[in-house]
C-alpha cells in the first residue's frame, strides 16, 4: 500500500509540472494580429479583451457603411503586445455630405494681413477712425489689434505660416479658413523687451504685439498663432537685445523676412542699389539666424508696383559683392486677399495683402475685405494632402495639382 501511494504522488507531481510547462508555453506564445476589417464592433471588443488590449475607437467620415473598420493601429501580421488597439470606424457620413455641409472650397481666397505697429492706447484716444493711430492706419491700437484677433478666430480663421502659403501647404482643420499675419518695419512695439530674467532670457512687454499674440496662444491653442516680421537693418530698434529677439522669435514659432536694409523705394533705385538693399539684409540675417529666416521680401512702399519693373528681377535674385541671394516671393502693399495657392491664377512671387486698418467699411479696409470674403474664402477639408473643390471651380485648378476631389 505504501508503494502505491508513492506512485500516485509521483504522477501528481509530474502532472503539475506538465501543466505549469504548458501554461508557460502558452503564456510565452506570440500571438499574431489578424485583419479586423470584416469584423463587427462587438467582435472587435471580444478580440481585444481576449488578447488583453485596451480598445480605443475613433469615428471618421467615410463613404463606407457605418461602423465599417477603416484602419487598425496594430497591422495584420504584427506580433500582439500589451497596450492599445486603436481602430477607426466609418460614421456613415460620406465625404460628399461633409463637404457640402461645410461648403469646402480650397480654391477660395486667403487673407494676408499687413500690419506695421501696435501702440498701447485706447481707440477712443486717437484722432482717427476706429483703431487707427495714424491717418493711414499703419499703427493700430492694442485694443483694436486684440479685437482683430478675436474677430478672426470667431469667424473661423486659423493662422498659417506665410512660407507655407507660398509653397501651397495649407494645414487647417475641417471647415476653417487660413489667414496669414505679417508685420513690416521691425518696430520696437512689435516686441518690446523689458529686460532679462534670472536665466538671461528676454522679458517681453505683454502689451507689445508679440506679447498679445503670446496671450492668444494660451487663450485659443487651436488658433495656431504665428506671424512673419519683415525687418530693416535696424532690426527691432533695440541694439542691446536685437540678436536675442530674432532667435527668440524663431524658437517660438514666428518667421523673419526681408524688408530691405534701408527701406528702399525700388521704383527709383538703380540696379546696384537694389541688389545692395536686398543682399545686405539677407547677409545680416545670415550672421544672426543662418538658414532660419524666410527668403521672402515685403516690398517697402509696395514698390515696384508691377513685376515687370526693371528692378523687380533683382529683388528675386542677384549678386552683390560676391554674395548671391534668391527670393521665393514678394509681398505688395495692403489691398485685398489673394488666390488659393492651388488656383492657376495664383502668382506665388507677387502676393496681395490686406491693410489692417479701419475706414468705415470703405476702400478695402478690414471690414470691407472680410465682407467680400464671407462667400469667397478658402474653406478647408481638414487634410493638407488633398485638394477639395466644388465642381463649379474645376476650371480654375492649377494642373500641377493632380490629387483633386470635386463634388
Protein backbone atom coordinates (compact mmCIF):
# COMPACT_ATOMS: atom_id res chain seq x y z
CA UNK A 1 0.00 0.00 0.00
CA UNK A 2 2.84 2.35 0.79
CA UNK A 3 4.45 1.84 -2.64
CA UNK A 4 1.18 2.56 -4.46
CA UNK A 5 0.75 5.87 -2.56
CA UNK A 6 4.24 6.96 -3.59
CA UNK A 7 3.47 6.23 -7.23
CA UNK A 8 0.28 8.30 -7.08
CA UNK A 9 2.14 11.24 -5.53
CA UNK A 10 4.81 10.97 -8.24
CA UNK A 11 2.25 11.04 -11.01
CA UNK A 12 0.56 14.02 -9.38
CA UNK A 13 3.84 15.93 -9.25
CA UNK A 14 4.53 15.08 -12.89
CA UNK A 15 1.05 16.23 -13.85
CA UNK A 16 1.52 19.56 -12.05
CA UNK A 17 4.90 20.05 -13.72
CA UNK A 18 3.34 19.30 -17.13
CA UNK A 19 0.52 21.78 -16.55
CA UNK A 20 2.96 24.51 -15.46
CA UNK A 21 5.13 23.88 -18.53
CA UNK A 22 2.14 24.08 -20.85
CA UNK A 23 0.91 27.25 -19.19
CA UNK A 24 4.36 28.78 -19.56
CA UNK A 25 4.43 27.82 -23.23
CA UNK A 26 1.02 29.36 -23.77
CA UNK A 27 1.94 32.50 -21.89
CA UNK A 28 5.09 32.96 -23.95
CA UNK A 29 3.42 32.03 -27.21
CA UNK A 30 3.40 35.02 -29.57
CA UNK A 31 0.01 35.95 -30.97
CA UNK A 32 -0.15 37.45 -34.45
CA UNK A 33 -2.61 40.25 -35.21
CA UNK A 34 -5.42 39.45 -37.63
CA UNK A 35 -7.20 41.64 -40.18
CA UNK A 36 -10.22 43.15 -38.41
CA UNK A 37 -11.72 44.91 -41.44
CA UNK A 38 -14.60 42.42 -41.76
CA UNK A 39 -15.32 42.23 -38.01
CA UNK A 40 -18.26 43.84 -36.25
CA UNK A 41 -17.63 46.22 -33.37
CA UNK A 42 -18.74 43.62 -30.82
CA UNK A 43 -16.39 41.05 -32.35
CA UNK A 44 -13.51 43.52 -32.16
CA UNK A 45 -14.30 44.18 -28.49
CA UNK A 46 -14.23 40.44 -27.74
CA UNK A 47 -10.95 40.07 -29.64
CA UNK A 48 -9.34 42.95 -27.76
CA UNK A 49 -10.48 41.60 -24.38
CA UNK A 50 -9.22 38.12 -25.21
CA UNK A 51 -5.77 39.47 -26.11
CA UNK A 52 -5.58 41.90 -23.17
CA UNK A 53 -5.65 45.01 -25.34
CA UNK A 54 -7.17 48.36 -24.43
CA UNK A 55 -9.55 49.21 -27.27
CA UNK A 56 -9.81 52.81 -28.47
CA UNK A 57 -12.43 53.57 -31.12
CA UNK A 58 -12.46 56.73 -33.23
CA UNK A 59 -15.02 57.70 -35.86
CA UNK A 60 -14.15 59.24 -39.21
CA UNK A 61 -16.02 60.50 -42.26
CA UNK A 62 -16.06 57.88 -44.98
CA UNK A 63 -18.05 56.71 -47.95
CA UNK A 64 -18.06 53.24 -46.34
CA UNK A 65 -21.03 51.79 -44.44
CA UNK A 66 -21.47 52.92 -40.82
CA UNK A 67 -19.26 51.05 -38.30
CA UNK A 68 -17.06 49.60 -41.04
CA UNK A 69 -13.47 49.39 -39.79
CA UNK A 70 -11.28 51.71 -41.85
CA UNK A 71 -7.96 51.31 -40.06
CA UNK A 72 -6.33 49.48 -37.15
CA UNK A 73 -3.22 50.57 -35.25
CA UNK A 74 -1.76 47.05 -34.99
CA UNK A 75 -1.28 45.84 -38.53
CA UNK A 76 -2.25 42.31 -39.60
CA UNK A 77 0.76 40.02 -39.19
CA UNK A 78 2.37 42.07 -36.40
CA UNK A 79 3.04 40.44 -33.02
CA UNK A 80 0.48 41.50 -30.41
CA UNK A 81 1.95 43.07 -27.31
CA UNK A 82 0.21 44.61 -24.33
CA UNK A 83 -1.05 48.12 -24.99
CA UNK A 84 -3.66 49.93 -27.00
CA UNK A 85 -5.54 48.77 -30.06
CA UNK A 86 -6.83 51.81 -31.87
CA UNK A 87 -9.38 51.38 -34.63
CA UNK A 88 -11.01 53.94 -36.89
CA UNK A 89 -14.56 53.23 -37.97
CA UNK A 90 -16.82 54.91 -40.51
CA UNK A 91 -19.54 57.10 -39.01
CA UNK A 92 -21.67 56.51 -42.09
CA UNK A 93 -21.47 60.06 -43.40
CA UNK A 94 -19.99 60.38 -46.87
CA UNK A 95 -17.23 62.84 -47.59
CA UNK A 96 -19.51 64.48 -50.15
CA UNK A 97 -22.11 65.16 -47.46
CA UNK A 98 -19.47 66.69 -45.22
CA UNK A 99 -18.01 68.85 -47.99
CA UNK A 100 -21.48 70.19 -48.74
CA UNK A 101 -22.26 70.76 -45.07
CA UNK A 102 -19.10 72.81 -44.52
CA UNK A 103 -19.09 74.34 -48.03
CA UNK A 104 -15.50 73.23 -48.52
CA UNK A 105 -13.69 75.20 -51.20
CA UNK A 106 -9.91 75.04 -51.34
CA UNK A 107 -9.83 77.44 -54.27
CA UNK A 108 -11.25 80.21 -52.11
CA UNK A 109 -9.40 83.44 -51.31
CA UNK A 110 -6.88 83.77 -48.46
CA UNK A 111 -6.30 86.98 -46.46
CA UNK A 112 -2.67 88.01 -45.87
CA UNK A 113 -2.92 90.79 -43.28
CA UNK A 114 -0.45 93.69 -43.44
CA UNK A 115 0.27 95.29 -40.07
CA UNK A 116 3.11 97.58 -39.01
CA UNK A 117 2.95 98.56 -35.35
CA UNK A 118 0.60 98.34 -32.40
CA UNK A 119 0.52 101.07 -29.77
CA UNK A 120 -0.82 100.63 -26.26
CA UNK A 121 -3.52 103.28 -26.38
CA UNK A 122 -7.29 103.09 -26.46
CA UNK A 123 -9.02 103.54 -29.79
CA UNK A 124 -11.09 106.37 -28.30
CA UNK A 125 -7.88 108.29 -27.54
CA UNK A 126 -6.75 108.57 -31.17
CA UNK A 127 -7.75 111.29 -33.60
CA UNK A 128 -8.52 108.83 -36.36
CA UNK A 129 -11.12 106.26 -37.42
CA UNK A 130 -11.60 103.10 -35.39
CA UNK A 131 -8.34 101.63 -34.16
CA UNK A 132 -6.08 103.74 -36.38
CA UNK A 133 -3.30 105.56 -34.52
CA UNK A 134 -2.20 107.39 -37.67
CA UNK A 135 -4.10 108.67 -40.70
CA UNK A 136 -3.20 105.68 -42.89
CA UNK A 137 -3.84 103.12 -40.17
CA UNK A 138 -0.35 101.59 -40.27
CA UNK A 139 -0.17 101.94 -36.48
CA UNK A 140 -3.02 100.09 -34.73
CA UNK A 141 -4.12 100.44 -31.12
CA UNK A 142 -3.60 97.36 -28.97
CA UNK A 143 -7.32 97.47 -28.23
CA UNK A 144 -8.10 97.26 -31.95
CA UNK A 145 -5.48 94.56 -32.55
CA UNK A 146 -7.00 92.39 -29.82
CA UNK A 147 -10.40 92.99 -31.38
CA UNK A 148 -8.98 91.94 -34.77
CA UNK A 149 -7.62 88.68 -33.38
CA UNK A 150 -10.89 87.89 -31.67
CA UNK A 151 -12.79 88.60 -34.90
CA UNK A 152 -10.51 86.34 -36.97
CA UNK A 153 -10.91 83.48 -34.52
CA UNK A 154 -14.68 83.75 -34.15
CA UNK A 155 -15.08 83.97 -37.94
CA UNK A 156 -13.37 80.59 -38.26
CA UNK A 157 -9.92 81.70 -39.41
CA UNK A 158 -6.82 79.82 -38.29
CA UNK A 159 -3.28 81.07 -38.81
CA UNK A 160 -0.77 79.52 -41.18
CA UNK A 161 2.82 80.47 -41.95
CA UNK A 162 3.34 82.78 -44.89
CA UNK A 163 6.01 80.49 -46.31
CA UNK A 164 3.55 77.56 -46.22
CA UNK A 165 1.01 79.63 -48.14
CA UNK A 166 3.63 80.47 -50.78
CA UNK A 167 4.58 76.78 -51.09
CA UNK A 168 1.00 75.51 -51.17
CA UNK A 169 0.94 73.81 -47.77
CA UNK A 170 -2.39 74.53 -46.11
CA UNK A 171 -2.91 72.64 -42.85
CA UNK A 172 -6.20 73.85 -41.36
CA UNK A 173 -8.94 71.85 -39.68
CA UNK A 174 -12.19 70.95 -41.44
CA UNK A 175 -14.49 73.90 -42.05
CA UNK A 176 -11.92 76.52 -41.02
CA UNK A 177 -10.13 79.07 -43.20
CA UNK A 178 -6.44 80.05 -43.35
CA UNK A 179 -5.19 83.55 -42.52
CA UNK A 180 -1.64 84.96 -42.62
CA UNK A 181 -0.31 87.75 -40.38
CA UNK A 182 2.60 89.96 -41.47
CA UNK A 183 4.29 92.96 -39.80
CA UNK A 184 6.57 95.43 -41.59
CA UNK A 185 9.41 97.70 -40.43
CA UNK A 186 10.66 95.87 -37.31
CA UNK A 187 9.24 98.39 -34.86
CA UNK A 188 10.07 98.26 -31.16
CA UNK A 189 6.41 97.97 -30.27
CA UNK A 190 6.30 94.67 -32.19
CA UNK A 191 8.32 93.00 -29.42
CA UNK A 192 9.32 95.46 -26.74
CA UNK A 193 11.90 93.94 -24.38
CA UNK A 194 11.64 94.97 -20.72
CA UNK A 195 14.94 93.37 -19.71
CA UNK A 196 16.36 89.93 -18.98
CA UNK A 197 15.15 87.42 -16.42
CA UNK A 198 17.37 85.48 -14.00
CA UNK A 199 18.20 82.97 -16.72
CA UNK A 200 19.19 85.64 -19.23
CA UNK A 201 16.03 85.26 -21.34
CA UNK A 202 14.28 88.33 -22.73
CA UNK A 203 11.17 89.55 -20.89
CA UNK A 204 8.55 90.71 -23.40
CA UNK A 205 6.15 93.57 -22.79
CA UNK A 206 2.70 91.91 -22.63
CA UNK A 207 1.20 94.97 -24.35
CA UNK A 208 3.51 94.76 -27.35
CA UNK A 209 2.41 92.91 -30.49
CA UNK A 210 4.16 89.66 -29.63
CA UNK A 211 3.03 89.89 -26.01
CA UNK A 212 -0.58 89.97 -27.21
CA UNK A 213 -0.01 87.15 -29.70
CA UNK A 214 1.54 85.02 -26.95
CA UNK A 215 -1.52 85.57 -24.76
CA UNK A 216 -3.68 84.27 -27.62
CA UNK A 217 -1.58 81.12 -27.81
CA UNK A 218 -2.88 80.35 -24.33
CA UNK A 219 -6.41 81.60 -24.91
CA UNK A 220 -7.01 79.67 -28.14
CA UNK A 221 -4.40 76.89 -28.64
CA UNK A 222 -6.16 75.85 -31.87
CA UNK A 223 -5.66 79.35 -33.33
CA UNK A 224 -2.11 78.23 -34.24
CA UNK A 225 -0.61 81.67 -33.59
CA UNK A 226 2.21 82.66 -35.92
CA UNK A 227 3.32 85.70 -37.93
CA UNK A 228 6.11 86.87 -40.22
CA UNK A 229 8.05 90.01 -39.24
CA UNK A 230 9.74 91.90 -42.08
CA UNK A 231 12.65 93.95 -40.83
CA UNK A 232 15.15 96.55 -42.00
CA UNK A 233 18.79 96.98 -40.99
CA UNK A 234 17.80 98.36 -37.58
CA UNK A 235 16.09 95.03 -36.79
CA UNK A 236 13.73 95.77 -33.86
CA UNK A 237 15.31 99.08 -32.83
CA UNK A 238 16.80 97.57 -29.65
CA UNK A 239 20.56 97.11 -30.21
CA UNK A 240 21.08 95.55 -26.78
CA UNK A 241 18.53 92.80 -27.47
CA UNK A 242 18.14 92.59 -31.26
CA UNK A 243 20.02 89.31 -31.71
CA UNK A 244 18.18 87.65 -28.84
CA UNK A 245 14.86 88.89 -30.19
CA UNK A 246 15.44 87.27 -33.58
CA UNK A 247 16.47 83.96 -32.03
CA UNK A 248 13.52 84.04 -29.61
CA UNK A 249 11.02 84.67 -32.41
CA UNK A 250 12.32 81.76 -34.49
CA UNK A 251 12.34 79.46 -31.46
CA UNK A 252 8.75 80.36 -30.60
CA UNK A 253 7.12 79.77 -33.99
CA UNK A 254 7.45 83.12 -35.75
CA UNK A 255 9.25 83.95 -39.02
CA UNK A 256 11.62 86.70 -40.10
CA UNK A 257 11.69 88.18 -43.61
CA UNK A 258 13.42 90.87 -45.66
CA UNK A 259 12.07 94.45 -45.87
CA UNK A 260 15.30 95.78 -47.47
CA UNK A 261 18.21 97.15 -45.46
CA UNK A 262 17.24 100.81 -45.65
CA UNK A 263 13.51 100.66 -46.51
CA UNK A 264 14.28 101.44 -50.13
CA UNK A 265 11.81 102.63 -52.74
CA UNK A 266 12.65 100.18 -55.51
CA UNK A 267 10.76 102.23 -58.05
CA UNK A 268 13.63 104.72 -58.02
CA UNK A 269 16.77 102.75 -57.10
CA UNK A 270 19.49 101.74 -59.53
CA UNK A 271 20.20 98.10 -60.28
CA UNK A 272 23.23 98.11 -57.98
CA UNK A 273 21.33 99.84 -55.17
CA UNK A 274 18.50 97.34 -55.50
CA UNK A 275 20.86 94.38 -55.13
CA UNK A 276 22.67 96.06 -52.24
CA UNK A 277 19.45 96.69 -50.31
CA UNK A 278 18.29 93.08 -50.59
CA UNK A 279 21.69 91.45 -50.13
CA UNK A 280 22.73 93.43 -47.04
CA UNK A 281 19.61 92.46 -45.11
CA UNK A 282 19.94 88.80 -46.08
CA UNK A 283 23.61 88.92 -45.02
CA UNK A 284 22.64 90.42 -41.68
CA UNK A 285 20.16 87.61 -41.08
CA UNK A 286 22.77 85.05 -42.14
CA UNK A 287 25.04 86.36 -39.38
CA UNK A 288 22.38 86.03 -36.65
CA UNK A 289 19.93 83.29 -37.68
CA UNK A 290 21.55 81.43 -40.60
CA UNK A 291 19.19 79.13 -42.52
CA UNK A 292 16.32 80.03 -40.19
CA UNK A 293 14.68 83.01 -41.91
CA UNK A 294 12.31 83.05 -44.89
CA UNK A 295 13.51 84.18 -48.31
CA UNK A 296 10.56 86.49 -48.81
CA UNK A 297 10.64 90.26 -49.34
CA UNK A 298 7.88 92.61 -48.22
CA UNK A 299 8.26 95.46 -50.72
CA UNK A 300 8.72 98.82 -48.96
CA UNK A 301 6.03 101.27 -50.14
CA UNK A 302 4.81 98.36 -52.28
CA UNK A 303 7.39 99.35 -54.89
CA UNK A 304 7.89 98.47 -57.61
CA UNK A 305 4.14 98.19 -58.11
CA UNK A 306 4.40 95.79 -61.06
CA UNK A 307 6.58 92.74 -61.51
CA UNK A 308 7.57 93.96 -64.98
CA UNK A 309 9.61 96.83 -63.49
CA UNK A 310 13.35 96.51 -64.39
CA UNK A 311 14.36 96.31 -60.72
CA UNK A 312 11.94 93.55 -59.80
CA UNK A 313 14.07 90.69 -61.12
CA UNK A 314 16.94 91.84 -58.89
CA UNK A 315 14.71 91.61 -55.85
CA UNK A 316 14.12 87.99 -56.75
CA UNK A 317 17.74 87.12 -57.45
CA UNK A 318 21.08 88.84 -57.63
CA UNK A 319 24.70 89.06 -56.53
CA UNK A 320 26.21 91.91 -54.54
CA UNK A 321 29.93 91.89 -53.65
CA UNK A 322 30.16 88.12 -54.22
CA UNK A 323 27.08 87.47 -52.06
CA UNK A 324 24.37 85.65 -54.03
CA UNK A 325 20.74 85.59 -52.92
CA UNK A 326 17.41 84.20 -54.09
CA UNK A 327 13.93 85.33 -53.06
CA UNK A 328 10.97 82.96 -53.42
CA UNK A 329 8.22 85.56 -53.04
CA UNK A 330 7.43 89.25 -52.61
CA UNK A 331 4.52 90.99 -50.89
CA UNK A 332 2.63 94.01 -52.14
CA UNK A 333 1.24 96.86 -50.04
CA UNK A 334 -2.17 96.17 -48.49
CA UNK A 335 -5.21 95.97 -50.77
CA UNK A 336 -7.19 92.74 -50.85
CA UNK A 337 -6.97 88.96 -50.35
CA UNK A 338 -5.25 86.69 -52.84
CA UNK A 339 -5.97 83.39 -54.60
CA UNK A 340 -5.56 79.92 -53.17
CA UNK A 341 -2.11 78.52 -53.95
CA UNK A 342 -3.88 75.77 -55.91
CA UNK A 343 -5.56 78.25 -58.25
CA UNK A 344 -3.96 78.64 -61.67
CA UNK A 345 -4.31 82.42 -61.29
CA UNK A 346 -2.13 82.48 -58.15
CA UNK A 347 1.25 84.21 -58.55
CA UNK A 348 3.37 82.93 -55.67
CA UNK A 349 6.07 85.52 -56.36
CA UNK A 350 3.86 88.63 -56.14
CA UNK A 351 1.24 88.38 -53.39
CA UNK A 352 -1.60 90.71 -52.36
CA UNK A 353 -2.09 91.80 -48.77
CA UNK A 354 -4.93 93.42 -46.84
CA UNK A 355 -4.05 96.62 -44.97
CA UNK A 356 -5.22 96.07 -41.40
CA UNK A 357 -6.96 99.38 -40.76
CA UNK A 358 -10.43 100.89 -40.26
CA UNK A 359 -12.18 103.10 -42.79
CA UNK A 360 -15.88 102.64 -42.09
CA UNK A 361 -16.10 99.67 -44.43
CA UNK A 362 -14.64 101.53 -47.41
CA UNK A 363 -11.50 101.39 -49.59
CA UNK A 364 -10.68 97.78 -48.77
CA UNK A 365 -10.32 98.18 -45.02
CA UNK A 366 -10.72 95.16 -42.70
CA UNK A 367 -14.50 95.37 -42.64
CA UNK A 368 -14.86 95.61 -46.41
CA UNK A 369 -12.40 92.81 -47.13
CA UNK A 370 -13.99 90.34 -44.74
CA UNK A 371 -17.43 91.08 -46.10
CA UNK A 372 -16.08 90.20 -49.55
CA UNK A 373 -14.55 87.03 -48.09
CA UNK A 374 -17.79 85.89 -46.48
CA UNK A 375 -18.80 83.88 -49.55
CA UNK A 376 -15.45 83.56 -51.33
CA UNK A 377 -12.96 82.44 -48.67
CA UNK A 378 -10.91 79.28 -48.66
CA UNK A 379 -12.62 76.60 -46.56
CA UNK A 380 -10.54 73.57 -45.63
CA UNK A 381 -11.42 69.89 -45.94
CA UNK A 382 -9.18 69.21 -42.94
CA UNK A 383 -6.41 67.46 -44.87
CA UNK A 384 -3.25 69.02 -46.28
CA UNK A 385 -2.74 66.01 -48.54
CA UNK A 386 -5.68 66.50 -50.89
CA UNK A 387 -7.49 69.40 -52.54
CA UNK A 388 -11.28 69.56 -52.42
CA UNK A 389 -13.30 71.99 -54.51
CA UNK A 390 -16.86 72.43 -55.78
CA UNK A 391 -17.36 71.24 -59.36
CA UNK A 392 -18.01 74.85 -60.37
CA UNK A 393 -14.35 75.67 -59.62
CA UNK A 394 -12.77 72.83 -61.59
CA UNK A 395 -11.64 75.06 -64.48
CA UNK A 396 -9.55 77.20 -62.09
CA UNK A 397 -7.42 74.42 -60.64
CA UNK A 398 -3.69 74.57 -61.31
CA UNK A 399 -2.92 71.50 -63.48
CA UNK A 400 0.20 70.96 -61.34
CA UNK A 401 -2.04 69.52 -58.63
CA UNK A 402 -3.23 66.06 -59.58
CA UNK A 403 -4.91 64.90 -56.35
CA UNK A 404 -8.12 66.93 -56.64
CA UNK A 405 -11.58 65.93 -55.44
CA UNK A 406 -14.59 67.80 -56.77
CA UNK A 407 -18.15 67.48 -55.50
